[in-house]
């Protein structure tokens, strides 16, 4: 069990393989800023922020429980050289948002509390979302170059998503399911 006052684990370069355990970042509110010699992030279970040396980063998660304002957070706060960052999420439980500035299509399995994971689904993804609060896609807008918040979600072919709403609402401008994709939404009364 790892519990960080600010962030659970922050990786600036190298390899990180996680197959189990509990990792929690207690920092709230979430914040991040450049730092050439130390940590950059408050409020993430796992933060990935490439150091100014621009060495390779390779993260693979096959299990565990991750809790923070951001369960997973990746952003290069130092510069724009980002060709060598890799993230793979194959399984685990993620309580908090998922955000990556530089990686796409890296989630193929797991259980998530926040729909932002839908931005990062890879081929053959099979995930579950258990909402733990109301969600409105408009709140994901992060700036002029970021379409999140203006665009909806698409479940592509080979991707399967089960979404359990519980007592919460899910709002998005659009939600599309391509031929071959699957979306099951479970309503509070057990319907789907």
C-alpha atoms as a PDB file:
ATOM      1  CA  UNK A   1       0.000   0.000   0.000  1.00  0.00           C
ATOM      2  CA  UNK A   2       1.340   3.417  -1.015  1.00  0.00           C
ATOM      3  CA  UNK A   3      -0.358   6.572   0.250  1.00  0.00           C
ATOM      4  CA  UNK A   4       1.175   9.891  -0.753  1.00  0.00           C
ATOM      5  CA  UNK A   5       0.321  13.191   0.904  1.00  0.00           C
ATOM      6  CA  UNK A   6       0.399  14.777  -2.570  1.00  0.00           C
ATOM      7  CA  UNK A   7       0.761  11.989  -5.164  1.00  0.00           C
ATOM      8  CA  UNK A   8       1.103   8.227  -4.802  1.00  0.00           C
ATOM      9  CA  UNK A   9       3.849   7.632  -7.398  1.00  0.00           C
ATOM     10  CA  UNK A  10       5.396  10.080  -9.853  1.00  0.00           C
ATOM     11  CA  UNK A  11       7.557   8.778 -12.707  1.00  0.00           C
ATOM     12  CA  UNK A  12       9.839  11.230 -14.520  1.00  0.00           C
ATOM     13  CA  UNK A  13      11.813   8.620 -16.571  1.00  0.00           C
ATOM     14  CA  UNK A  14      12.312   4.850 -16.745  1.00  0.00           C
ATOM     15  CA  UNK A  15       9.998   1.853 -16.451  1.00  0.00           C
ATOM     16  CA  UNK A  16       7.135   1.302 -14.061  1.00  0.00           C
ATOM     17  CA  UNK A  17       5.294  -2.029 -13.910  1.00  0.00           C
ATOM     18  CA  UNK A  18       2.410  -2.355 -11.435  1.00  0.00           C
ATOM     19  CA  UNK A  19       0.564  -5.645 -10.976  1.00  0.00           C
ATOM     20  CA  UNK A  20      -1.289  -5.086  -7.698  1.00  0.00           C
ATOM     21  CA  UNK A  21      -1.557  -3.188  -4.443  1.00  0.00           C
ATOM     22  CA  UNK A  22      -3.201   0.100  -3.544  1.00  0.00           C
ATOM     23  CA  UNK A  23      -1.785   3.458  -4.627  1.00  0.00           C
ATOM     24  CA  UNK A  24      -3.389   6.674  -3.398  1.00  0.00           C
ATOM     25  CA  UNK A  25      -2.595  10.345  -3.934  1.00  0.00           C
ATOM     26  CA  UNK A  26      -4.285  12.441  -1.247  1.00  0.00           C
ATOM     27  CA  UNK A  27      -3.562  15.894  -2.729  1.00  0.00           C
ATOM     28  CA  UNK A  28      -6.663  17.976  -3.338  1.00  0.00           C
ATOM     29  CA  UNK A  29      -7.216  20.077  -5.348  1.00  0.00           C
ATOM     30  CA  UNK A  30      -5.313  18.620  -8.273  1.00  0.00           C
ATOM     31  CA  UNK A  31      -2.404  20.734  -9.508  1.00  0.00           C
ATOM     32  CA  UNK A  32       0.659  20.360 -11.737  1.00  0.00           C
ATOM     33  CA  UNK A  33       3.566  22.604 -12.659  1.00  0.00           C
ATOM     34  CA  UNK A  34       7.038  22.240 -14.236  1.00  0.00           C
ATOM     35  CA  UNK A  35       9.932  21.237 -11.989  1.00  0.00           C
ATOM     36  CA  UNK A  36      13.399  20.496 -13.359  1.00  0.00           C
ATOM     37  CA  UNK A  37      14.446  18.681 -10.201  1.00  0.00           C
ATOM     38  CA  UNK A  38      11.613  17.019  -8.295  1.00  0.00           C
ATOM     39  CA  UNK A  39       7.905  16.322  -8.349  1.00  0.00           C
ATOM     40  CA  UNK A  40       5.394  18.135 -10.554  1.00  0.00           C
ATOM     41  CA  UNK A  41       1.969  16.860  -9.523  1.00  0.00           C
ATOM     42  CA  UNK A  42      -0.445  17.013  -6.586  1.00  0.00           C
ATOM     43  CA  UNK A  43      -3.545  14.826  -6.535  1.00  0.00           C
ATOM     44  CA  UNK A  44      -2.708  11.795  -8.686  1.00  0.00           C
ATOM     45  CA  UNK A  45      -2.407   8.144  -7.759  1.00  0.00           C
ATOM     46  CA  UNK A  46       0.121   7.728 -10.595  1.00  0.00           C
ATOM     47  CA  UNK A  47       1.637  10.802 -12.230  1.00  0.00           C
ATOM     48  CA  UNK A  48       3.795  10.558 -15.350  1.00  0.00           C
ATOM     49  CA  UNK A  49       5.660  13.730 -16.228  1.00  0.00           C
ATOM     50  CA  UNK A  50       8.756  13.397 -18.369  1.00  0.00           C
ATOM     51  CA  UNK A  51      11.865  15.075 -16.939  1.00  0.00           C
ATOM     52  CA  UNK A  52      13.800  17.694 -18.946  1.00  0.00           C
ATOM     53  CA  UNK A  53      16.340  14.929 -19.810  1.00  0.00           C
ATOM     54  CA  UNK A  54      13.638  13.414 -22.095  1.00  0.00           C
ATOM     55  CA  UNK A  55      14.553   9.818 -21.274  1.00  0.00           C
ATOM     56  CA  UNK A  56      12.145   7.011 -22.183  1.00  0.00           C
ATOM     57  CA  UNK A  57       9.062   6.367 -20.063  1.00  0.00           C
ATOM     58  CA  UNK A  58       7.303   2.991 -20.167  1.00  0.00           C
ATOM     59  CA  UNK A  59       4.360   2.328 -17.807  1.00  0.00           C
ATOM     60  CA  UNK A  60       2.436  -0.969 -17.708  1.00  0.00           C
ATOM     61  CA  UNK A  61      -0.406  -1.571 -15.259  1.00  0.00           C
ATOM     62  CA  UNK A  62      -1.901  -5.066 -15.007  1.00  0.00           C
ATOM     63  CA  UNK A  63      -3.680  -4.719 -11.659  1.00  0.00           C
ATOM     64  CA  UNK A  64      -4.084  -2.748  -8.460  1.00  0.00           C
ATOM     65  CA  UNK A  65      -6.312  -0.012  -7.075  1.00  0.00           C
ATOM     66  CA  UNK A  66      -5.500   3.623  -7.911  1.00  0.00           C
ATOM     67  CA  UNK A  67      -7.213   6.496  -6.107  1.00  0.00           C
ATOM     68  CA  UNK A  68      -6.775  10.255  -6.518  1.00  0.00           C
ATOM     69  CA  UNK A  69      -8.330  13.295  -8.152  1.00  0.00           C
ATOM     70  CA  UNK A  70      -6.574  11.804 -11.196  1.00  0.00           C
ATOM     71  CA  UNK A  71      -6.147   8.048 -10.966  1.00  0.00           C
ATOM     72  CA  UNK A  72      -3.695   8.285 -13.888  1.00  0.00           C
ATOM     73  CA  UNK A  73      -2.202  11.554 -15.092  1.00  0.00           C
ATOM     74  CA  UNK A  74       0.365  12.068 -17.890  1.00  0.00           C
ATOM     75  CA  UNK A  75       1.636  15.421 -19.121  1.00  0.00           C
ATOM     76  CA  UNK A  76       5.070  16.657 -20.172  1.00  0.00           C
ATOM     77  CA  UNK A  77       5.335  19.886 -18.241  1.00  0.00           C
ATOM     78  CA  UNK A  78       8.975  20.513 -19.208  1.00  0.00           C
ATOM     79  CA  UNK A  79       9.082  20.723 -23.032  1.00  0.00           C
ATOM     80  CA  UNK A  80       7.509  19.424 -26.246  1.00  0.00           C
ATOM     81  CA  UNK A  81       9.852  16.443 -26.883  1.00  0.00           C
ATOM     82  CA  UNK A  82       7.427  13.590 -26.193  1.00  0.00           C
ATOM     83  CA  UNK A  83       8.162  10.821 -28.702  1.00  0.00           C
ATOM     84  CA  UNK A  84       9.201   8.231 -26.137  1.00  0.00           C
ATOM     85  CA  UNK A  85       6.326   7.962 -23.632  1.00  0.00           C
ATOM     86  CA  UNK A  86       4.330   4.715 -23.478  1.00  0.00           C
ATOM     87  CA  UNK A  87       1.424   3.758 -21.204  1.00  0.00           C
ATOM     88  CA  UNK A  88      -0.463   0.441 -21.142  1.00  0.00           C
ATOM     89  CA  UNK A  89      -3.396  -0.198 -18.809  1.00  0.00           C
ATOM     90  CA  UNK A  90      -4.540  -3.814 -19.017  1.00  0.00           C
ATOM     91  CA  UNK A  91      -6.451  -4.136 -15.725  1.00  0.00           C
ATOM     92  CA  UNK A  92      -6.992  -2.552 -12.326  1.00  0.00           C
ATOM     93  CA  UNK A  93      -9.463  -0.354 -10.464  1.00  0.00           C
ATOM     94  CA  UNK A  94      -9.141   3.386 -11.096  1.00  0.00           C
ATOM     95  CA  UNK A  95     -10.931   5.837  -8.799  1.00  0.00           C
ATOM     96  CA  UNK A  96     -10.529   9.288 -10.330  1.00  0.00           C
ATOM     97  CA  UNK A  97     -10.062  10.853 -13.757  1.00  0.00           C
ATOM     98  CA  UNK A  98      -7.737   9.496 -16.414  1.00  0.00           C
ATOM     99  CA  UNK A  99      -5.789  12.077 -18.408  1.00  0.00           C
ATOM    100  CA  UNK A 100      -2.925  11.883 -20.901  1.00  0.00           C
ATOM    101  CA  UNK A 101      -1.559  14.720 -22.974  1.00  0.00           C
ATOM    102  CA  UNK A 102       0.618  12.523 -25.210  1.00  0.00           C
ATOM    103  CA  UNK A 103      -0.644   8.928 -25.232  1.00  0.00           C
ATOM    104  CA  UNK A 104      -3.747   7.531 -26.920  1.00  0.00           C
ATOM    105  CA  UNK A 105      -5.361   4.098 -27.221  1.00  0.00           C
ATOM    106  CA  UNK A 106      -3.592   2.725 -24.118  1.00  0.00           C
ATOM    107  CA  UNK A 107      -6.491   1.342 -22.039  1.00  0.00           C
ATOM    108  CA  UNK A 108      -7.672  -2.202 -22.803  1.00  0.00           C
ATOM    109  CA  UNK A 109      -9.091  -3.331 -19.462  1.00  0.00           C
ATOM    110  CA  UNK A 110     -10.053  -2.302 -15.960  1.00  0.00           C
ATOM    111  CA  UNK A 111     -12.798  -0.762 -13.858  1.00  0.00           C
ATOM    112  CA  UNK A 112     -13.048   3.033 -13.740  1.00  0.00           C
ATOM    113  CA  UNK A 113     -15.056   5.597 -11.799  1.00  0.00           C
ATOM    114  CA  UNK A 114     -14.752   8.404 -14.342  1.00  0.00           C
ATOM    115  CA  UNK A 115     -15.817   8.441 -18.029  1.00  0.00           C
ATOM    116  CA  UNK A 116     -12.659  10.317 -19.149  1.00  0.00           C
ATOM    117  CA  UNK A 117     -11.210   6.844 -19.707  1.00  0.00           C
ATOM    118  CA  UNK A 118     -13.332   6.690 -22.884  1.00  0.00           C
ATOM    119  CA  UNK A 119     -10.837   9.087 -24.526  1.00  0.00           C
ATOM    120  CA  UNK A 120      -8.076   6.465 -24.294  1.00  0.00           C
ATOM    121  CA  UNK A 121      -9.598   3.101 -25.264  1.00  0.00           C
ATOM    122  CA  UNK A 122      -7.430   0.829 -27.399  1.00  0.00           C
ATOM    123  CA  UNK A 123      -8.250  -2.089 -29.688  1.00  0.00           C
ATOM    124  CA  UNK A 124     -10.229  -4.856 -27.976  1.00  0.00           C
ATOM    125  CA  UNK A 125     -10.812  -2.728 -24.887  1.00  0.00           C
ATOM    126  CA  UNK A 126     -13.213  -4.310 -22.399  1.00  0.00           C
ATOM    127  CA  UNK A 127     -13.864  -1.961 -19.479  1.00  0.00           C
ATOM    128  CA  UNK A 128     -16.432  -1.122 -16.828  1.00  0.00           C
ATOM    129  CA  UNK A 129     -17.302   2.371 -15.606  1.00  0.00           C
ATOM    130  CA  UNK A 130     -18.997   2.662 -12.206  1.00  0.00           C
ATOM    131  CA  UNK A 131     -19.949   6.325 -11.863  1.00  0.00           C
ATOM    132  CA  UNK A 132     -19.300   7.694  -8.367  1.00  0.00           C
ATOM    133  CA  UNK A 133     -20.605  11.214  -9.049  1.00  0.00           C
ATOM    134  CA  UNK A 134     -22.524  13.164 -11.696  1.00  0.00           C
ATOM    135  CA  UNK A 135     -20.601  13.615 -14.952  1.00  0.00           C
ATOM    136  CA  UNK A 136     -20.884  16.388 -17.551  1.00  0.00           C
ATOM    137  CA  UNK A 137     -18.558  16.233 -20.580  1.00  0.00           C
ATOM    138  CA  UNK A 138     -18.533  20.051 -20.796  1.00  0.00           C
ATOM    139  CA  UNK A 139     -16.443  20.099 -17.607  1.00  0.00           C
ATOM    140  CA  UNK A 140     -13.589  18.226 -19.383  1.00  0.00           C
ATOM    141  CA  UNK A 141     -12.695  21.250 -21.526  1.00  0.00           C
ATOM    142  CA  UNK A 142      -9.030  22.085 -20.819  1.00  0.00           C
ATOM    143  CA  UNK A 143      -8.137  24.771 -23.366  1.00  0.00           C
ATOM    144  CA  UNK A 144      -8.355  25.983 -26.958  1.00  0.00           C
ATOM    145  CA  UNK A 145      -6.339  23.045 -28.376  1.00  0.00           C
ATOM    146  CA  UNK A 146      -8.271  20.392 -26.475  1.00  0.00           C
ATOM    147  CA  UNK A 147     -11.581  19.240 -27.961  1.00  0.00           C
ATOM    148  CA  UNK A 148     -12.638  17.323 -24.860  1.00  0.00           C
ATOM    149  CA  UNK A 149     -15.758  18.951 -23.531  1.00  0.00           C
ATOM    150  CA  UNK A 150     -16.881  19.995 -27.003  1.00  0.00           C
ATOM    151  CA  UNK A 151     -16.864  16.505 -28.507  1.00  0.00           C
ATOM    152  CA  UNK A 152     -18.610  13.398 -27.318  1.00  0.00           C
ATOM    153  CA  UNK A 153     -17.373   9.832 -27.116  1.00  0.00           C
ATOM    154  CA  UNK A 154     -17.193   7.035 -29.673  1.00  0.00           C
ATOM    155  CA  UNK A 155     -17.061   3.347 -28.752  1.00  0.00           C
ATOM    156  CA  UNK A 156     -15.194   1.885 -31.727  1.00  0.00           C
ATOM    157  CA  UNK A 157     -15.488  -1.584 -33.204  1.00  0.00           C
ATOM    158  CA  UNK A 158     -13.777  -4.220 -31.004  1.00  0.00           C
ATOM    159  CA  UNK A 159     -14.411  -2.088 -27.881  1.00  0.00           C
ATOM    160  CA  UNK A 160     -16.835  -3.071 -25.108  1.00  0.00           C
ATOM    161  CA  UNK A 161     -17.972  -0.704 -22.343  1.00  0.00           C
ATOM    162  CA  UNK A 162     -20.312  -1.432 -19.449  1.00  0.00           C
ATOM    163  CA  UNK A 163     -21.442   1.748 -17.675  1.00  0.00           C
ATOM    164  CA  UNK A 164     -23.197   1.556 -14.309  1.00  0.00           C
ATOM    165  CA  UNK A 165     -24.906   4.871 -13.622  1.00  0.00           C
ATOM    166  CA  UNK A 166     -26.014   4.129 -10.078  1.00  0.00           C
ATOM    167  CA  UNK A 167     -27.801   7.255  -8.844  1.00  0.00           C
ATOM    168  CA  UNK A 168     -25.697   9.588 -10.996  1.00  0.00           C
ATOM    169  CA  UNK A 169     -26.180  11.389 -14.315  1.00  0.00           C
ATOM    170  CA  UNK A 170     -24.010  11.124 -17.424  1.00  0.00           C
ATOM    171  CA  UNK A 171     -24.133  14.063 -19.884  1.00  0.00           C
ATOM    172  CA  UNK A 172     -22.221  14.304 -23.161  1.00  0.00           C
ATOM    173  CA  UNK A 173     -22.860  16.108 -26.492  1.00  0.00           C
ATOM    174  CA  UNK A 174     -22.838  12.757 -28.301  1.00  0.00           C
ATOM    175  CA  UNK A 175     -22.241   9.083 -27.681  1.00  0.00           C
ATOM    176  CA  UNK A 176     -21.715   6.860 -30.709  1.00  0.00           C
ATOM    177  CA  UNK A 177     -21.154   3.123 -30.981  1.00  0.00           C
ATOM    178  CA  UNK A 178     -19.482   1.928 -34.167  1.00  0.00           C
ATOM    179  CA  UNK A 179     -20.530  -1.365 -35.775  1.00  0.00           C
ATOM    180  CA  UNK A 180     -18.796  -4.123 -33.826  1.00  0.00           C
ATOM    181  CA  UNK A 181     -18.530  -2.034 -30.631  1.00  0.00           C
ATOM    182  CA  UNK A 182     -20.685  -2.613 -27.552  1.00  0.00           C
ATOM    183  CA  UNK A 183     -22.131  -0.324 -24.889  1.00  0.00           C
ATOM    184  CA  UNK A 184     -24.314  -1.527 -22.022  1.00  0.00           C
ATOM    185  CA  UNK A 185     -25.699   1.146 -19.699  1.00  0.00           C
ATOM    186  CA  UNK A 186     -27.099  -0.127 -16.416  1.00  0.00           C
ATOM    187  CA  UNK A 187     -29.725   2.155 -14.879  1.00  0.00           C
ATOM    188  CA  UNK A 188     -30.345   2.612 -11.138  1.00  0.00           C
ATOM    189  CA  UNK A 189     -33.323   0.207 -11.119  1.00  0.00           C
ATOM    190  CA  UNK A 190     -31.178  -2.579 -12.585  1.00  0.00           C
ATOM    191  CA  UNK A 191     -32.416  -2.020 -16.138  1.00  0.00           C
ATOM    192  CA  UNK A 192     -30.049  -1.654 -19.049  1.00  0.00           C
END
